[in-house]
C-alpha cells in the first residue's frame, strides 16, 4: 500500500505499441485505479517509455497523438466531478 504522504503518477497510456489508446480506454484504466486510490492522490501520465534513450524509438507524431488522448481522457474525468 502507498502511504498517504505520497502521490502517484498513474502510467495509463501504453507506449509499447503504436496503437493510440482511445480516451475511453484510458478512463477505464483510471476507474480501476480509483478502486484502490483516491482521485486526489494521483496524476495521469504516460508510461515512462517516452523518455529519450529507450530501447525503441517512438515517432514524435505517435507520441503527440497518445498525449492528446491522455488529455482528452483527463477532460472526460473532469466532466464527471
N, C-alpha and C. Protein backbone atom coordinates (compact mmCIF):
# COMPACT_ATOMS: atom_id res chain seq x y z
N UNK A 1 0.84 -1.17 0.00
CA UNK A 1 0.00 0.00 0.00
C UNK A 1 0.89 1.24 0.00
N UNK A 2 0.46 2.24 -0.74
CA UNK A 2 1.17 3.51 -0.79
C UNK A 2 0.61 4.40 0.31
N UNK A 3 1.48 4.88 1.16
CA UNK A 3 1.03 5.69 2.29
C UNK A 3 0.54 7.06 1.82
N UNK A 4 -0.26 7.71 2.68
CA UNK A 4 -0.92 8.96 2.36
C UNK A 4 0.03 10.10 1.96
N UNK A 5 1.26 10.04 2.41
CA UNK A 5 2.19 11.14 2.14
C UNK A 5 2.64 11.18 0.67
N UNK A 6 2.39 10.13 -0.07
CA UNK A 6 2.86 10.06 -1.46
C UNK A 6 1.72 10.26 -2.45
N UNK A 7 2.06 10.91 -3.56
CA UNK A 7 1.16 11.00 -4.72
C UNK A 7 1.68 10.01 -5.75
N UNK A 8 0.81 9.55 -6.61
CA UNK A 8 1.14 8.52 -7.58
C UNK A 8 1.00 9.07 -8.98
N UNK A 9 2.00 8.83 -9.82
CA UNK A 9 1.89 9.13 -11.25
C UNK A 9 1.36 7.87 -11.92
N UNK A 10 0.11 7.90 -12.32
CA UNK A 10 -0.53 6.72 -12.91
C UNK A 10 -0.20 6.63 -14.39
N UNK A 11 0.66 5.71 -14.76
CA UNK A 11 1.01 5.50 -16.17
C UNK A 11 -0.13 4.80 -16.88
N UNK A 12 -0.95 5.56 -17.57
CA UNK A 12 -2.18 4.99 -18.12
C UNK A 12 -2.23 5.05 -19.64
N UNK A 13 -1.11 5.33 -20.29
CA UNK A 13 -1.02 5.30 -21.75
C UNK A 13 0.06 4.31 -22.12
N UNK A 14 -0.31 3.31 -22.89
CA UNK A 14 0.64 2.27 -23.27
C UNK A 14 1.55 2.79 -24.38
N UNK A 15 2.84 2.85 -24.13
CA UNK A 15 3.77 3.35 -25.14
C UNK A 15 4.52 2.23 -25.86
N UNK A 16 4.21 0.99 -25.53
CA UNK A 16 4.93 -0.14 -26.14
C UNK A 16 4.49 -0.44 -27.56
N UNK A 17 3.27 -0.06 -27.90
CA UNK A 17 2.72 -0.41 -29.20
C UNK A 17 2.26 0.85 -29.92
N UNK A 18 2.22 0.83 -31.24
CA UNK A 18 1.87 2.05 -31.98
C UNK A 18 0.39 2.42 -31.95
N UNK A 19 -0.50 1.54 -31.48
CA UNK A 19 -1.91 1.89 -31.42
C UNK A 19 -2.10 3.07 -30.48
N UNK A 20 -3.03 3.93 -30.84
CA UNK A 20 -3.35 5.08 -30.00
C UNK A 20 -4.52 4.68 -29.10
N UNK A 21 -4.31 4.71 -27.80
CA UNK A 21 -5.37 4.39 -26.86
C UNK A 21 -6.46 5.46 -26.96
N UNK A 22 -7.69 5.04 -27.03
CA UNK A 22 -8.80 5.98 -27.05
C UNK A 22 -9.00 6.55 -25.65
N UNK A 23 -9.48 7.79 -25.56
CA UNK A 23 -9.70 8.39 -24.24
C UNK A 23 -10.55 7.51 -23.32
N UNK A 24 -11.55 6.86 -23.87
CA UNK A 24 -12.42 6.00 -23.07
C UNK A 24 -11.65 4.81 -22.48
N UNK A 25 -10.68 4.29 -23.21
CA UNK A 25 -9.84 3.20 -22.69
C UNK A 25 -9.00 3.69 -21.51
N UNK A 26 -8.49 4.88 -21.63
CA UNK A 26 -7.68 5.45 -20.56
C UNK A 26 -8.54 5.68 -19.33
N UNK A 27 -9.77 6.18 -19.54
CA UNK A 27 -10.69 6.40 -18.42
C UNK A 27 -10.97 5.08 -17.71
N UNK A 28 -11.13 3.99 -18.45
CA UNK A 28 -11.35 2.68 -17.83
C UNK A 28 -10.17 2.31 -16.92
N UNK A 29 -8.96 2.58 -17.36
CA UNK A 29 -7.78 2.29 -16.53
C UNK A 29 -7.78 3.13 -15.26
N UNK A 30 -8.16 4.38 -15.42
CA UNK A 30 -8.23 5.26 -14.25
C UNK A 30 -9.30 4.77 -13.28
N UNK A 31 -10.44 4.36 -13.82
CA UNK A 31 -11.51 3.85 -12.96
C UNK A 31 -11.04 2.65 -12.14
N UNK A 32 -10.22 1.80 -12.72
CA UNK A 32 -9.68 0.66 -11.97
C UNK A 32 -8.77 1.14 -10.84
N UNK A 33 -7.98 2.17 -11.12
CA UNK A 33 -7.10 2.72 -10.09
C UNK A 33 -7.90 3.37 -8.98
N UNK A 34 -9.04 3.98 -9.34
CA UNK A 34 -9.88 4.65 -8.34
C UNK A 34 -10.48 3.68 -7.33
N UNK A 35 -10.48 2.40 -7.67
CA UNK A 35 -10.95 1.38 -6.72
C UNK A 35 -9.98 1.23 -5.55
N UNK A 36 -8.74 1.71 -5.74
CA UNK A 36 -7.70 1.50 -4.75
C UNK A 36 -7.11 2.78 -4.17
N UNK A 37 -7.20 3.87 -4.93
CA UNK A 37 -6.56 5.12 -4.54
C UNK A 37 -7.52 6.27 -4.83
N UNK A 38 -7.61 7.22 -3.91
CA UNK A 38 -8.47 8.39 -4.10
C UNK A 38 -7.95 9.25 -5.26
N UNK A 39 -8.86 9.87 -5.97
CA UNK A 39 -8.51 10.65 -7.16
C UNK A 39 -7.52 11.77 -6.87
N UNK A 40 -7.58 12.36 -5.70
CA UNK A 40 -6.67 13.46 -5.38
C UNK A 40 -5.26 13.00 -5.04
N UNK A 41 -5.03 11.70 -5.08
CA UNK A 41 -3.71 11.15 -4.74
C UNK A 41 -2.87 10.82 -5.97
N UNK A 42 -3.46 10.91 -7.16
CA UNK A 42 -2.64 10.59 -8.33
C UNK A 42 -2.85 11.57 -9.48
N UNK A 43 -1.86 11.55 -10.37
CA UNK A 43 -1.93 12.33 -11.60
C UNK A 43 -1.80 11.37 -12.77
N UNK A 44 -2.35 11.76 -13.90
CA UNK A 44 -2.27 10.92 -15.09
C UNK A 44 -0.96 11.19 -15.81
N UNK A 45 -0.37 10.15 -16.34
CA UNK A 45 0.86 10.29 -17.10
C UNK A 45 0.98 9.11 -18.05
N UNK A 46 1.81 9.26 -19.08
CA UNK A 46 2.08 8.09 -19.93
C UNK A 46 3.02 7.16 -19.18
N UNK A 47 3.08 5.90 -19.63
CA UNK A 47 4.14 5.04 -19.12
C UNK A 47 5.46 5.72 -19.48
N UNK A 48 6.52 5.39 -18.84
CA UNK A 48 7.78 6.12 -18.98
C UNK A 48 8.49 5.90 -20.30
N UNK A 49 7.90 5.20 -21.23
CA UNK A 49 8.57 4.89 -22.48
C UNK A 49 8.79 6.04 -23.43
N UNK A 50 8.29 7.24 -23.13
CA UNK A 50 8.55 8.39 -23.99
C UNK A 50 9.92 8.99 -23.74
N UNK A 51 10.60 8.54 -22.71
CA UNK A 51 11.88 9.16 -22.37
C UNK A 51 12.94 8.85 -23.42
N UNK A 52 13.84 9.80 -23.67
CA UNK A 52 14.91 9.58 -24.65
C UNK A 52 15.80 8.41 -24.24
N UNK A 53 16.32 7.72 -25.22
CA UNK A 53 17.25 6.64 -24.95
C UNK A 53 16.60 5.31 -24.66
N UNK A 54 15.29 5.22 -24.83
CA UNK A 54 14.62 3.93 -24.62
C UNK A 54 15.05 2.96 -25.71
N UNK A 55 14.78 1.68 -25.48
CA UNK A 55 15.18 0.63 -26.42
C UNK A 55 14.52 0.80 -27.79
N UNK A 56 13.33 1.36 -27.81
CA UNK A 56 12.62 1.54 -29.07
C UNK A 56 12.26 3.02 -29.22
N UNK A 57 12.45 3.51 -30.41
CA UNK A 57 12.10 4.91 -30.67
C UNK A 57 10.61 5.04 -30.92
N UNK A 58 10.03 6.11 -30.45
CA UNK A 58 8.62 6.37 -30.69
C UNK A 58 8.55 7.65 -31.52
N UNK A 59 7.93 7.55 -32.70
CA UNK A 59 7.85 8.74 -33.56
C UNK A 59 7.14 9.89 -32.84
N UNK A 60 7.57 11.09 -33.12
CA UNK A 60 7.01 12.27 -32.48
C UNK A 60 5.50 12.38 -32.71
N UNK A 61 5.04 12.10 -33.92
CA UNK A 61 3.61 12.23 -34.19
C UNK A 61 2.80 11.20 -33.40
N UNK A 62 3.35 10.02 -33.20
CA UNK A 62 2.68 8.99 -32.39
C UNK A 62 2.62 9.44 -30.92
N UNK A 63 3.72 9.96 -30.41
CA UNK A 63 3.74 10.45 -29.04
C UNK A 63 2.71 11.57 -28.86
N UNK A 64 2.64 12.46 -29.83
CA UNK A 64 1.70 13.57 -29.76
C UNK A 64 0.26 13.06 -29.71
N UNK A 65 -0.08 12.09 -30.55
CA UNK A 65 -1.44 11.55 -30.58
C UNK A 65 -1.77 10.86 -29.25
N UNK A 66 -0.81 10.14 -28.71
CA UNK A 66 -1.04 9.47 -27.42
C UNK A 66 -1.27 10.49 -26.30
N UNK A 67 -0.50 11.57 -26.32
CA UNK A 67 -0.69 12.61 -25.30
C UNK A 67 -2.01 13.35 -25.50
N UNK A 68 -2.44 13.51 -26.75
CA UNK A 68 -3.76 14.12 -26.99
C UNK A 68 -4.86 13.24 -26.40
N UNK A 69 -4.75 11.93 -26.55
CA UNK A 69 -5.74 11.02 -25.97
C UNK A 69 -5.72 11.10 -24.45
N UNK A 70 -4.54 11.21 -23.87
CA UNK A 70 -4.42 11.34 -22.42
C UNK A 70 -5.10 12.62 -21.94
N UNK A 71 -4.88 13.70 -22.67
CA UNK A 71 -5.51 14.98 -22.32
C UNK A 71 -7.03 14.89 -22.45
N UNK A 72 -7.51 14.24 -23.51
CA UNK A 72 -8.96 14.08 -23.69
C UNK A 72 -9.56 13.24 -22.57
N UNK A 73 -8.85 12.21 -22.15
CA UNK A 73 -9.32 11.37 -21.03
C UNK A 73 -9.41 12.20 -19.76
N UNK A 74 -8.43 13.04 -19.52
CA UNK A 74 -8.46 13.91 -18.34
C UNK A 74 -9.68 14.82 -18.40
N UNK A 75 -10.00 15.31 -19.59
CA UNK A 75 -11.18 16.15 -19.74
C UNK A 75 -12.45 15.39 -19.42
N UNK A 76 -12.55 14.15 -19.88
CA UNK A 76 -13.72 13.31 -19.57
C UNK A 76 -13.84 13.09 -18.07
N UNK A 77 -12.73 12.85 -17.42
CA UNK A 77 -12.75 12.61 -15.98
C UNK A 77 -13.15 13.87 -15.22
N UNK A 78 -12.69 15.03 -15.67
CA UNK A 78 -13.06 16.28 -15.02
C UNK A 78 -14.56 16.56 -15.15
N UNK A 79 -15.13 16.18 -16.28
CA UNK A 79 -16.57 16.40 -16.51
C UNK A 79 -17.41 15.62 -15.50
N UNK A 80 -16.88 14.55 -14.97
CA UNK A 80 -17.64 13.71 -14.02
C UNK A 80 -17.71 14.32 -12.64
N UNK A 81 -16.85 15.28 -12.35
CA UNK A 81 -16.85 15.85 -10.99
C UNK A 81 -17.64 17.12 -10.90
